[in-house]
Amino acid sequence: MLSHLKSTKEKLLFILKRDSEASIKEIMDYFTISNVAVRRHLNDLIREGFVAERTEKQEIGRPYIIYSLTTKGHDTFPSQYEQFSKDMLTDIKEVGGEEAVDAVLSARKDREEIELKTVLSDKSFDEKIALLYKMQDEKGYMHEIEQTASGDYLVKNYNCPIYSLASSYDSICANEKEMYQDLFPNSDVKAHAYMTKGKSYCSWTITKPEKD
């Protein structure tokens, strides 16, 4: 059934795409290689951001791990979503001009910001940083976070799931920076680099607020 797939990682992604989620016991039904080898490939996929894991408790017996695809994992399969989005924005521009496109993208930013604020409210500065980028990475981003001696955070993103769209519409990156500033009103959000401008990653600093 999986003979058309060349590598173990491809087979793992296919299984999780089809079954939505699976335990190692269920996954091993599809392999003749060792459990240790399959786990090694799963750990690689988790580290690379394609697969997520969670612990499932049982009434009797030890907890076990359930594996599922992240947004980035789902995006490895053919999809017309981003092309559809680009075509839709092109059509909006044809009908209403640049202002209409900016209004749609601004509404998208506002919706995402409201969702994030709901989760991040009442969290400390450090907690908000950790939770925010955990949530963003689950959407397919790939962040690396470093805290400086002064308590600021230097953030780098190595994967943008809407890179093609952002390359066509500068306001997407501008909206993202504005959203982060709104999420951290007592901090200063400073952008340093953008993939859409030819860099290998996006980066910015979020300064530690004087009052958390």
N, C-alpha and C. Protein backbone atom coordinates (compact mmCIF):
# COMPACT_ATOMS: atom_id res chain seq x y z
N MET A 1 0.82 -1.22 0.00
CA MET A 1 0.00 0.00 0.00
C MET A 1 0.86 1.26 0.00
N LEU A 2 2.03 1.20 0.67
CA LEU A 2 2.92 2.37 0.72
C LEU A 2 4.14 2.19 -0.18
N SER A 3 4.05 1.22 -1.09
CA SER A 3 5.22 0.88 -1.92
C SER A 3 5.64 2.01 -2.85
N HIS A 4 4.71 2.93 -3.17
CA HIS A 4 5.05 4.03 -4.07
C HIS A 4 5.85 5.12 -3.38
N LEU A 5 5.94 5.04 -2.06
CA LEU A 5 6.69 6.03 -1.29
C LEU A 5 8.11 5.52 -1.06
N LYS A 6 9.10 6.38 -1.30
CA LYS A 6 10.49 5.96 -1.31
C LYS A 6 11.12 5.86 0.07
N SER A 7 10.88 6.84 0.93
CA SER A 7 11.59 6.90 2.20
C SER A 7 10.67 6.62 3.38
N THR A 8 11.31 6.29 4.51
CA THR A 8 10.55 6.06 5.75
C THR A 8 9.82 7.33 6.17
N LYS A 9 10.47 8.47 6.02
CA LYS A 9 9.83 9.73 6.42
C LYS A 9 8.60 10.01 5.55
N GLU A 10 8.68 9.75 4.26
CA GLU A 10 7.52 9.94 3.39
C GLU A 10 6.37 9.04 3.82
N LYS A 11 6.69 7.80 4.19
CA LYS A 11 5.66 6.87 4.64
C LYS A 11 5.02 7.35 5.94
N LEU A 12 5.84 7.85 6.85
CA LEU A 12 5.31 8.37 8.12
C LEU A 12 4.37 9.54 7.89
N LEU A 13 4.77 10.47 7.03
CA LEU A 13 3.92 11.62 6.73
C LEU A 13 2.61 11.17 6.09
N PHE A 14 2.68 10.19 5.19
CA PHE A 14 1.48 9.69 4.52
C PHE A 14 0.53 9.04 5.53
N ILE A 15 1.07 8.22 6.43
CA ILE A 15 0.25 7.54 7.43
C ILE A 15 -0.48 8.55 8.30
N LEU A 16 0.25 9.57 8.77
CA LEU A 16 -0.36 10.57 9.66
C LEU A 16 -1.33 11.47 8.91
N LYS A 17 -1.09 11.70 7.63
CA LYS A 17 -2.03 12.47 6.82
C LYS A 17 -3.34 11.71 6.67
N ARG A 18 -3.23 10.43 6.39
CA ARG A 18 -4.42 9.62 6.16
C ARG A 18 -5.18 9.31 7.44
N ASP A 19 -4.42 8.94 8.51
CA ASP A 19 -5.07 8.50 9.76
C ASP A 19 -5.30 9.62 10.76
N SER A 20 -4.84 10.81 10.46
CA SER A 20 -4.98 11.99 11.33
C SER A 20 -4.02 11.93 12.52
N GLU A 21 -4.03 10.83 13.26
CA GLU A 21 -3.08 10.66 14.36
C GLU A 21 -2.89 9.17 14.62
N ALA A 22 -1.78 8.82 15.23
CA ALA A 22 -1.50 7.40 15.46
C ALA A 22 -0.46 7.23 16.55
N SER A 23 -0.52 6.11 17.24
CA SER A 23 0.48 5.74 18.23
C SER A 23 1.61 4.99 17.53
N ILE A 24 2.71 4.78 18.22
CA ILE A 24 3.83 4.05 17.63
C ILE A 24 3.40 2.61 17.31
N LYS A 25 2.55 2.03 18.15
CA LYS A 25 2.06 0.68 17.90
C LYS A 25 1.29 0.63 16.59
N GLU A 26 0.43 1.61 16.36
CA GLU A 26 -0.35 1.64 15.12
C GLU A 26 0.54 1.91 13.91
N ILE A 27 1.53 2.78 14.09
CA ILE A 27 2.45 3.10 13.00
C ILE A 27 3.28 1.88 12.61
N MET A 28 3.70 1.09 13.58
CA MET A 28 4.56 -0.06 13.31
C MET A 28 3.87 -1.13 12.48
N ASP A 29 2.55 -1.10 12.39
CA ASP A 29 1.82 -2.06 11.54
C ASP A 29 2.20 -1.91 10.07
N TYR A 30 2.77 -0.76 9.71
CA TYR A 30 3.09 -0.49 8.31
C TYR A 30 4.58 -0.71 7.98
N PHE A 31 5.37 -1.09 8.98
CA PHE A 31 6.81 -1.18 8.77
C PHE A 31 7.36 -2.55 9.17
N THR A 32 8.42 -2.92 8.47
CA THR A 32 9.15 -4.14 8.82
C THR A 32 10.49 -3.81 9.47
N ILE A 33 10.90 -2.54 9.42
CA ILE A 33 12.13 -2.12 10.08
C ILE A 33 11.87 -2.01 11.58
N SER A 34 12.91 -1.84 12.36
CA SER A 34 12.79 -1.87 13.81
C SER A 34 12.04 -0.67 14.38
N ASN A 35 11.48 -0.88 15.55
CA ASN A 35 10.81 0.19 16.29
C ASN A 35 11.76 1.35 16.53
N VAL A 36 13.01 1.04 16.87
CA VAL A 36 14.02 2.08 17.14
C VAL A 36 14.26 2.94 15.90
N ALA A 37 14.33 2.31 14.73
CA ALA A 37 14.57 3.05 13.49
C ALA A 37 13.41 3.97 13.16
N VAL A 38 12.18 3.48 13.35
CA VAL A 38 11.00 4.30 13.07
C VAL A 38 10.95 5.48 14.04
N ARG A 39 11.24 5.24 15.30
CA ARG A 39 11.24 6.33 16.28
C ARG A 39 12.29 7.39 15.94
N ARG A 40 13.42 6.96 15.43
CA ARG A 40 14.47 7.91 15.04
C ARG A 40 13.97 8.83 13.93
N HIS A 41 13.27 8.27 12.95
CA HIS A 41 12.72 9.09 11.86
C HIS A 41 11.61 10.00 12.37
N LEU A 42 10.79 9.49 13.29
CA LEU A 42 9.75 10.33 13.88
C LEU A 42 10.35 11.51 14.64
N ASN A 43 11.39 11.26 15.40
CA ASN A 43 12.05 12.33 16.14
C ASN A 43 12.66 13.38 15.20
N ASP A 44 13.19 12.93 14.06
CA ASP A 44 13.70 13.87 13.06
C ASP A 44 12.57 14.76 12.55
N LEU A 45 11.42 14.16 12.26
CA LEU A 45 10.27 14.92 11.74
C LEU A 45 9.74 15.89 12.80
N ILE A 46 9.79 15.48 14.06
CA ILE A 46 9.35 16.38 15.14
C ILE A 46 10.31 17.56 15.24
N ARG A 47 11.60 17.28 15.23
CA ARG A 47 12.62 18.33 15.32
C ARG A 47 12.52 19.30 14.14
N GLU A 48 12.18 18.79 12.97
CA GLU A 48 12.07 19.62 11.77
C GLU A 48 10.73 20.34 11.67
N GLY A 49 9.81 20.05 12.58
CA GLY A 49 8.55 20.78 12.63
C GLY A 49 7.43 20.18 11.80
N PHE A 50 7.59 18.95 11.29
CA PHE A 50 6.56 18.34 10.46
C PHE A 50 5.55 17.52 11.27
N VAL A 51 5.97 17.04 12.43
CA VAL A 51 5.13 16.16 13.25
C VAL A 51 5.09 16.68 14.68
N ALA A 52 3.93 16.56 15.31
CA ALA A 52 3.77 16.93 16.72
C ALA A 52 3.48 15.67 17.53
N GLU A 53 3.78 15.72 18.82
CA GLU A 53 3.48 14.59 19.69
C GLU A 53 2.77 15.09 20.95
N ARG A 54 1.89 14.24 21.47
CA ARG A 54 1.21 14.55 22.72
C ARG A 54 1.07 13.26 23.52
N THR A 55 0.95 13.41 24.83
CA THR A 55 0.84 12.25 25.71
C THR A 55 -0.63 11.94 25.98
N GLU A 56 -1.00 10.70 25.77
CA GLU A 56 -2.37 10.24 26.02
C GLU A 56 -2.38 9.36 27.27
N LYS A 57 -3.18 9.75 28.27
CA LYS A 57 -3.25 8.98 29.50
C LYS A 57 -4.29 7.86 29.36
N GLN A 58 -4.07 6.77 30.12
CA GLN A 58 -5.00 5.66 30.16
C GLN A 58 -5.47 5.43 31.59
N GLU A 59 -6.68 4.87 31.73
CA GLU A 59 -7.16 4.54 33.07
C GLU A 59 -6.29 3.46 33.69
N ILE A 60 -5.85 2.52 32.87
CA ILE A 60 -4.98 1.45 33.32
C ILE A 60 -3.75 1.41 32.41
N GLY A 61 -2.58 1.34 32.99
CA GLY A 61 -1.37 1.26 32.19
C GLY A 61 -0.68 2.60 32.05
N ARG A 62 0.48 2.57 31.45
CA ARG A 62 1.30 3.76 31.30
C ARG A 62 0.77 4.66 30.19
N PRO A 63 0.98 5.98 30.29
CA PRO A 63 0.62 6.89 29.18
C PRO A 63 1.39 6.52 27.92
N TYR A 64 0.85 6.90 26.78
CA TYR A 64 1.55 6.62 25.52
C TYR A 64 1.51 7.87 24.64
N ILE A 65 2.37 7.89 23.62
CA ILE A 65 2.51 9.06 22.76
C ILE A 65 1.65 8.91 21.51
N ILE A 66 0.95 10.00 21.17
CA ILE A 66 0.18 10.08 19.93
C ILE A 66 0.87 11.06 19.00
N TYR A 67 1.04 10.68 17.74
CA TYR A 67 1.70 11.53 16.76
C TYR A 67 0.68 12.07 15.75
N SER A 68 0.91 13.29 15.30
CA SER A 68 0.04 13.90 14.28
C SER A 68 0.85 14.91 13.47
N LEU A 69 0.33 15.31 12.32
CA LEU A 69 1.01 16.30 11.49
C LEU A 69 0.79 17.71 12.02
N THR A 70 1.81 18.54 11.92
CA THR A 70 1.66 19.97 12.15
C THR A 70 1.14 20.60 10.86
N THR A 71 0.88 21.90 10.89
CA THR A 71 0.49 22.60 9.67
C THR A 71 1.58 22.46 8.61
N LYS A 72 2.83 22.56 9.04
CA LYS A 72 3.94 22.40 8.10
C LYS A 72 3.93 21.00 7.50
N GLY A 73 3.59 20.00 8.30
CA GLY A 73 3.51 18.64 7.79
C GLY A 73 2.42 18.48 6.76
N HIS A 74 1.25 19.07 7.04
CA HIS A 74 0.15 19.03 6.06
C HIS A 74 0.55 19.74 4.76
N ASP A 75 1.35 20.78 4.90
CA ASP A 75 1.73 21.56 3.72
C ASP A 75 2.70 20.83 2.80
N THR A 76 3.22 19.67 3.22
CA THR A 76 4.08 18.90 2.33
C THR A 76 3.26 18.18 1.26
N PHE A 77 1.94 18.15 1.44
CA PHE A 77 1.07 17.51 0.46
C PHE A 77 0.53 18.58 -0.50
N PRO A 78 0.27 18.20 -1.76
CA PRO A 78 -0.18 19.17 -2.75
C PRO A 78 -1.42 19.93 -2.29
N SER A 79 -1.38 21.23 -2.46
CA SER A 79 -2.51 22.08 -2.07
C SER A 79 -2.56 23.31 -2.95
N GLN A 80 -3.76 23.74 -3.27
CA GLN A 80 -3.94 24.94 -4.09
C GLN A 80 -4.32 26.13 -3.22
N TYR A 81 -4.19 25.98 -1.87
CA TYR A 81 -4.65 27.04 -0.98
C TYR A 81 -3.95 28.36 -1.23
N GLU A 82 -2.60 28.33 -1.27
CA GLU A 82 -1.88 29.60 -1.40
C GLU A 82 -2.12 30.22 -2.77
N GLN A 83 -2.16 29.39 -3.83
CA GLN A 83 -2.43 29.93 -5.16
C GLN A 83 -3.84 30.50 -5.22
N PHE A 84 -4.78 29.81 -4.55
CA PHE A 84 -6.15 30.33 -4.50
C PHE A 84 -6.18 31.69 -3.80
N SER A 85 -5.41 31.81 -2.69
CA SER A 85 -5.38 33.07 -1.96
C SER A 85 -4.80 34.20 -2.82
N LYS A 86 -3.73 33.89 -3.56
CA LYS A 86 -3.13 34.88 -4.44
C LYS A 86 -4.10 35.31 -5.52
N ASP A 87 -4.78 34.33 -6.12
CA ASP A 87 -5.74 34.64 -7.17
C ASP A 87 -6.89 35.48 -6.62
N MET A 88 -7.32 35.15 -5.40
CA MET A 88 -8.42 35.90 -4.78
C MET A 88 -8.02 37.35 -4.53
N LEU A 89 -6.80 37.58 -4.02
CA LEU A 89 -6.34 38.94 -3.78
C LEU A 89 -6.17 39.71 -5.10
N THR A 90 -5.74 39.00 -6.13
CA THR A 90 -5.64 39.64 -7.46
C THR A 90 -7.01 40.09 -7.93
N ASP A 91 -8.01 39.23 -7.74
CA ASP A 91 -9.38 39.58 -8.14
C ASP A 91 -9.91 40.76 -7.33
N ILE A 92 -9.61 40.77 -6.02
CA ILE A 92 -10.05 41.88 -5.17
C ILE A 92 -9.41 43.18 -5.64
N LYS A 93 -8.12 43.10 -6.00
CA LYS A 93 -7.42 44.29 -6.50
C LYS A 93 -8.04 44.80 -7.78
N GLU A 94 -8.43 43.88 -8.67
CA GLU A 94 -9.06 44.26 -9.94
C GLU A 94 -10.38 44.97 -9.70
N VAL A 95 -11.11 44.51 -8.69
CA VAL A 95 -12.45 45.07 -8.43
C VAL A 95 -12.37 46.35 -7.60
N GLY A 96 -11.55 46.32 -6.53
CA GLY A 96 -11.56 47.44 -5.58
C GLY A 96 -10.27 48.21 -5.45
N GLY A 97 -9.22 47.78 -6.17
CA GLY A 97 -7.95 48.48 -6.10
C GLY A 97 -7.12 48.08 -4.89
N GLU A 98 -5.96 48.74 -4.73
CA GLU A 98 -5.02 48.44 -3.65
C GLU A 98 -5.65 48.61 -2.27
N GLU A 99 -6.53 49.62 -2.13
CA GLU A 99 -7.14 49.87 -0.83
C GLU A 99 -7.97 48.69 -0.37
N ALA A 100 -8.66 48.04 -1.31
CA ALA A 100 -9.48 46.88 -0.96
C ALA A 100 -8.60 45.72 -0.50
N VAL A 101 -7.47 45.51 -1.18
CA VAL A 101 -6.54 44.45 -0.78
C VAL A 101 -6.00 44.73 0.62
N ASP A 102 -5.58 45.98 0.86
CA ASP A 102 -5.05 46.35 2.17
C ASP A 102 -6.09 46.13 3.27
N ALA A 103 -7.35 46.41 2.95
CA ALA A 103 -8.43 46.25 3.93
C ALA A 103 -8.62 44.77 4.27
N VAL A 104 -8.55 43.90 3.27
CA VAL A 104 -8.70 42.46 3.51
C VAL A 104 -7.55 41.93 4.35
N LEU A 105 -6.32 42.32 4.01
CA LEU A 105 -5.16 41.85 4.75
C LEU A 105 -5.14 42.40 6.17
N SER A 106 -5.62 43.62 6.34
CA SER A 106 -5.70 44.21 7.68
C SER A 106 -6.73 43.47 8.53
N ALA A 107 -7.84 43.07 7.91
CA ALA A 107 -8.87 42.31 8.63
C ALA A 107 -8.32 40.95 9.05
N ARG A 108 -7.51 40.35 8.18
CA ARG A 108 -6.86 39.07 8.53
C ARG A 108 -5.96 39.23 9.74
N LYS A 109 -5.19 40.32 9.75
CA LYS A 109 -4.30 40.60 10.88
C LYS A 109 -5.10 40.81 12.16
N ASP A 110 -6.18 41.56 12.08
CA ASP A 110 -7.00 41.84 13.25
C ASP A 110 -7.60 40.56 13.82
N ARG A 111 -8.05 39.67 12.94
CA ARG A 111 -8.65 38.41 13.40
C ARG A 111 -7.61 37.55 14.12
N GLU A 112 -6.41 37.44 13.55
CA GLU A 112 -5.36 36.65 14.18
C GLU A 112 -4.95 37.27 15.51
N GLU A 113 -4.87 38.59 15.54
CA GLU A 113 -4.46 39.28 16.77
C GLU A 113 -5.46 39.04 17.89
N ILE A 114 -6.74 39.08 17.58
CA ILE A 114 -7.77 38.84 18.59
C ILE A 114 -7.66 37.42 19.15
N GLU A 115 -7.42 36.45 18.26
CA GLU A 115 -7.27 35.06 18.68
C GLU A 115 -6.08 34.91 19.62
N LEU A 116 -4.96 35.55 19.28
CA LEU A 116 -3.76 35.43 20.09
C LEU A 116 -3.92 36.15 21.43
N LYS A 117 -4.53 37.32 21.42
CA LYS A 117 -4.72 38.07 22.67
C LYS A 117 -5.57 37.27 23.65
N THR A 118 -6.54 36.54 23.15
CA THR A 118 -7.41 35.74 24.01
C THR A 118 -6.60 34.70 24.78
N VAL A 119 -5.60 34.13 24.13
CA VAL A 119 -4.77 33.09 24.75
C VAL A 119 -3.66 33.69 25.61
N LEU A 120 -3.11 34.82 25.17
CA LEU A 120 -1.94 35.38 25.83
C LEU A 120 -2.25 36.33 26.99
N SER A 121 -3.50 36.70 27.14
CA SER A 121 -3.85 37.65 28.20
C SER A 121 -3.51 37.08 29.57
N ASP A 122 -3.10 37.96 30.47
CA ASP A 122 -2.75 37.60 31.85
C ASP A 122 -1.47 36.78 31.97
N LYS A 123 -0.70 36.68 30.88
CA LYS A 123 0.58 35.97 30.93
C LYS A 123 1.71 36.98 31.13
N SER A 124 2.80 36.53 31.75
CA SER A 124 3.97 37.38 31.90
C SER A 124 4.65 37.55 30.55
N PHE A 125 5.60 38.47 30.48
CA PHE A 125 6.32 38.73 29.24
C PHE A 125 6.98 37.46 28.71
N ASP A 126 7.72 36.76 29.57
CA ASP A 126 8.41 35.54 29.16
C ASP A 126 7.43 34.45 28.75
N GLU A 127 6.34 34.33 29.49
CA GLU A 127 5.32 33.32 29.16
C GLU A 127 4.65 33.63 27.82
N LYS A 128 4.39 34.90 27.57
CA LYS A 128 3.77 35.29 26.30
C LYS A 128 4.68 34.97 25.13
N ILE A 129 5.96 35.24 25.27
CA ILE A 129 6.92 34.93 24.20
C ILE A 129 6.91 33.44 23.90
N ALA A 130 7.05 32.62 24.95
CA ALA A 130 7.13 31.17 24.76
C ALA A 130 5.85 30.62 24.15
N LEU A 131 4.70 31.05 24.63
CA LEU A 131 3.43 30.54 24.14
C LEU A 131 3.13 31.03 22.73
N LEU A 132 3.42 32.30 22.47
CA LEU A 132 3.16 32.87 21.14
C LEU A 132 3.89 32.08 20.06
N TYR A 133 5.18 31.85 20.27
CA TYR A 133 5.95 31.22 19.20
C TYR A 133 5.73 29.71 19.14
N LYS A 134 5.27 29.13 20.22
CA LYS A 134 4.83 27.73 20.17
C LYS A 134 3.60 27.63 19.27
N MET A 135 2.66 28.56 19.43
CA MET A 135 1.45 28.57 18.62
C MET A 135 1.77 28.86 17.15
N GLN A 136 2.69 29.80 16.91
CA GLN A 136 3.05 30.14 15.55
C GLN A 136 3.77 28.99 14.85
N ASP A 137 4.62 28.30 15.59
CA ASP A 137 5.33 27.15 15.00
C ASP A 137 4.36 26.03 14.64
N GLU A 138 3.28 25.91 15.39
CA GLU A 138 2.27 24.90 15.08
C GLU A 138 1.54 25.24 13.77
N LYS A 139 1.63 26.49 13.35
CA LYS A 139 1.02 26.91 12.09
C LYS A 139 1.99 26.75 10.91
N GLY A 140 3.20 26.28 11.18
CA GLY A 140 4.14 26.04 10.10
C GLY A 140 5.35 26.93 10.09
N TYR A 141 5.43 27.88 11.03
CA TYR A 141 6.63 28.71 11.13
C TYR A 141 7.74 27.91 11.81
N MET A 142 8.95 28.42 11.78
CA MET A 142 10.08 27.72 12.39
C MET A 142 10.95 28.76 13.10
N HIS A 143 10.59 29.05 14.34
CA HIS A 143 11.25 30.12 15.08
C HIS A 143 12.40 29.63 15.93
N GLU A 144 13.39 30.48 16.04
CA GLU A 144 14.51 30.30 16.97
C GLU A 144 14.53 31.54 17.85
N ILE A 145 14.51 31.34 19.16
CA ILE A 145 14.39 32.45 20.10
C ILE A 145 15.61 32.49 21.02
N GLU A 146 16.16 33.68 21.16
CA GLU A 146 17.33 33.85 22.03
C GLU A 146 17.09 35.05 22.95
N GLN A 147 17.24 34.84 24.24
CA GLN A 147 17.08 35.94 25.19
C GLN A 147 18.43 36.58 25.47
N THR A 148 18.49 37.88 25.36
CA THR A 148 19.74 38.60 25.57
C THR A 148 19.95 38.84 27.06
N ALA A 149 21.14 39.32 27.40
CA ALA A 149 21.48 39.58 28.80
C ALA A 149 20.55 40.63 29.42
N SER A 150 20.03 41.52 28.59
CA SER A 150 19.14 42.58 29.09
C SER A 150 17.69 42.12 29.20
N GLY A 151 17.41 40.88 28.79
CA GLY A 151 16.05 40.37 28.90
C GLY A 151 15.22 40.52 27.65
N ASP A 152 15.79 41.16 26.60
CA ASP A 152 15.10 41.26 25.31
C ASP A 152 15.10 39.90 24.62
N TYR A 153 14.23 39.74 23.62
CA TYR A 153 14.21 38.51 22.85
C TYR A 153 14.55 38.80 21.39
N LEU A 154 15.55 38.09 20.89
CA LEU A 154 15.87 38.12 19.47
C LEU A 154 15.20 36.91 18.83
N VAL A 155 14.33 37.17 17.87
CA VAL A 155 13.54 36.10 17.24
C VAL A 155 13.95 35.96 15.78
N LYS A 156 14.18 34.73 15.36
CA LYS A 156 14.45 34.44 13.95
C LYS A 156 13.44 33.40 13.46
N ASN A 157 12.93 33.61 12.26
CA ASN A 157 11.99 32.67 11.65
C ASN A 157 12.58 32.16 10.35
N TYR A 158 12.73 30.84 10.27
CA TYR A 158 13.37 30.24 9.10
C TYR A 158 12.38 29.68 8.08
N ASN A 159 11.09 29.71 8.39
CA ASN A 159 10.09 29.22 7.44
C ASN A 159 8.82 30.03 7.54
N CYS A 160 8.36 30.53 6.41
CA CYS A 160 7.10 31.29 6.35
C CYS A 160 6.11 30.52 5.49
N PRO A 161 5.01 30.01 6.06
CA PRO A 161 4.06 29.22 5.29
C PRO A 161 3.29 30.04 4.25
N ILE A 162 3.38 31.38 4.34
CA ILE A 162 2.71 32.22 3.33
C ILE A 162 3.75 33.09 2.63
N TYR A 163 4.94 32.52 2.44
CA TYR A 163 6.05 33.28 1.84
C TYR A 163 5.68 33.84 0.47
N SER A 164 5.05 33.03 -0.37
CA SER A 164 4.71 33.48 -1.73
C SER A 164 3.76 34.67 -1.68
N LEU A 165 2.78 34.61 -0.78
CA LEU A 165 1.85 35.73 -0.64
C LEU A 165 2.57 36.97 -0.12
N ALA A 166 3.40 36.78 0.91
CA ALA A 166 4.11 37.91 1.50
C ALA A 166 5.07 38.55 0.51
N SER A 167 5.61 37.76 -0.42
CA SER A 167 6.51 38.30 -1.44
C SER A 167 5.76 39.20 -2.41
N SER A 168 4.47 38.95 -2.57
CA SER A 168 3.67 39.74 -3.50
C SER A 168 3.01 40.95 -2.83
N TYR A 169 2.81 40.86 -1.50
CA TYR A 169 2.10 41.93 -0.78
C TYR A 169 2.91 42.33 0.45
N ASP A 170 3.61 43.44 0.37
CA ASP A 170 4.47 43.92 1.47
C ASP A 170 3.70 44.16 2.76
N SER A 171 2.41 44.48 2.62
CA SER A 171 1.63 44.82 3.81
C SER A 171 1.48 43.63 4.76
N ILE A 172 1.67 42.40 4.26
CA ILE A 172 1.57 41.23 5.14
C ILE A 172 2.65 41.29 6.22
N CYS A 173 3.89 41.57 5.82
CA CYS A 173 4.99 41.67 6.79
C CYS A 173 4.80 42.88 7.71
N ALA A 174 4.34 43.99 7.14
CA ALA A 174 4.10 45.19 7.94
C ALA A 174 3.00 44.93 8.98
N ASN A 175 1.97 44.20 8.56
CA ASN A 175 0.88 43.86 9.48
C ASN A 175 1.36 42.95 10.61
N GLU A 176 2.27 42.02 10.28
CA GLU A 176 2.80 41.11 11.29
C GLU A 176 3.56 41.89 12.36
N LYS A 177 4.40 42.82 11.92
CA LYS A 177 5.15 43.64 12.87
C LYS A 177 4.19 44.46 13.74
N GLU A 178 3.16 45.01 13.12
CA GLU A 178 2.17 45.80 13.87
C GLU A 178 1.44 44.92 14.88
N MET A 179 1.13 43.69 14.49
CA MET A 179 0.44 42.77 15.39
C MET A 179 1.31 42.47 16.61
N TYR A 180 2.60 42.19 16.39
CA TYR A 180 3.49 41.91 17.51
C TYR A 180 3.61 43.13 18.43
N GLN A 181 3.62 44.32 17.85
CA GLN A 181 3.67 45.52 18.67
C GLN A 181 2.42 45.66 19.52
N ASP A 182 1.26 45.30 18.94
CA ASP A 182 0.01 45.36 19.69
C ASP A 182 -0.03 44.30 20.79
N LEU A 183 0.56 43.12 20.52
CA LEU A 183 0.58 42.06 21.51
C LEU A 183 1.52 42.38 22.67
N PHE A 184 2.55 43.20 22.39
CA PHE A 184 3.51 43.61 23.42
C PHE A 184 3.56 45.13 23.48
N PRO A 185 2.49 45.76 23.98
CA PRO A 185 2.37 47.21 23.93
C PRO A 185 3.42 47.95 24.75
N ASN A 186 4.00 47.29 25.74
CA ASN A 186 5.02 47.94 26.57
C ASN A 186 6.44 47.64 26.11
N SER A 187 6.56 46.98 24.97
CA SER A 187 7.86 46.66 24.39
C SER A 187 8.05 47.42 23.09
N ASP A 188 9.27 47.38 22.59
CA ASP A 188 9.59 47.94 21.28
C ASP A 188 9.90 46.78 20.35
N VAL A 189 9.17 46.67 19.25
CA VAL A 189 9.38 45.60 18.28
C VAL A 189 10.20 46.17 17.12
N LYS A 190 11.42 45.64 16.96
CA LYS A 190 12.33 46.14 15.93
C LYS A 190 12.60 45.05 14.90
N ALA A 191 12.25 45.31 13.65
CA ALA A 191 12.50 44.35 12.57
C ALA A 191 13.91 44.52 12.04
N HIS A 192 14.59 43.41 11.77
CA HIS A 192 15.97 43.45 11.27
C HIS A 192 16.12 42.87 9.87
N ALA A 193 15.38 41.84 9.55
CA ALA A 193 15.56 41.16 8.26
C ALA A 193 14.27 40.49 7.83
N TYR A 194 14.09 40.38 6.51
CA TYR A 194 12.91 39.72 5.95
C TYR A 194 13.33 38.76 4.84
N MET A 195 12.74 37.57 4.83
CA MET A 195 12.99 36.64 3.74
C MET A 195 12.51 37.21 2.41
N THR A 196 11.46 38.00 2.45
CA THR A 196 10.92 38.59 1.23
C THR A 196 11.86 39.64 0.63
N LYS A 197 12.86 40.04 1.42
CA LYS A 197 13.86 41.00 0.94
C LYS A 197 15.19 40.32 0.62
N GLY A 198 15.16 39.00 0.51
CA GLY A 198 16.36 38.28 0.09
C GLY A 198 17.17 37.65 1.20
N LYS A 199 16.76 37.82 2.46
CA LYS A 199 17.49 37.22 3.57
C LYS A 199 17.07 35.74 3.72
N SER A 200 17.90 34.97 4.43
CA SER A 200 17.60 33.55 4.62
C SER A 200 16.60 33.32 5.75
N TYR A 201 16.29 34.35 6.52
CA TYR A 201 15.32 34.26 7.60
C TYR A 201 14.79 35.66 7.90
N CYS A 202 13.66 35.70 8.61
CA CYS A 202 13.14 36.97 9.13
C CYS A 202 13.64 37.09 10.58
N SER A 203 13.91 38.30 11.01
CA SER A 203 14.34 38.47 12.41
C SER A 203 13.87 39.80 12.95
N TRP A 204 13.63 39.81 14.24
CA TRP A 204 13.23 41.03 14.93
C TRP A 204 13.53 40.89 16.42
N THR A 205 13.53 42.01 17.10
CA THR A 205 13.76 42.03 18.55
C THR A 205 12.51 42.55 19.24
N ILE A 206 12.15 41.90 20.33
CA ILE A 206 11.07 42.38 21.19
C ILE A 206 11.71 42.71 22.53
N THR A 207 11.72 43.99 22.87
CA THR A 207 12.44 44.43 24.07
C THR A 207 11.63 44.11 25.34
N LYS A 208 12.38 43.88 26.41
CA LYS A 208 11.76 43.61 27.70
C LYS A 208 11.09 44.88 28.21
N PRO A 209 9.82 44.81 28.60
CA PRO A 209 9.15 46.02 29.11
C PRO A 209 9.65 46.40 30.47
N GLU A 210 9.57 47.69 30.78
CA GLU A 210 9.98 48.13 32.11
C GLU A 210 9.04 47.58 33.18
N LYS A 211 7.77 47.48 32.80
CA LYS A 211 6.77 46.89 33.71
C LYS A 211 6.11 45.74 32.98
N ASP A 212 6.16 44.55 33.57
CA ASP A 212 5.60 43.35 32.95
C ASP A 212 4.08 43.33 33.14
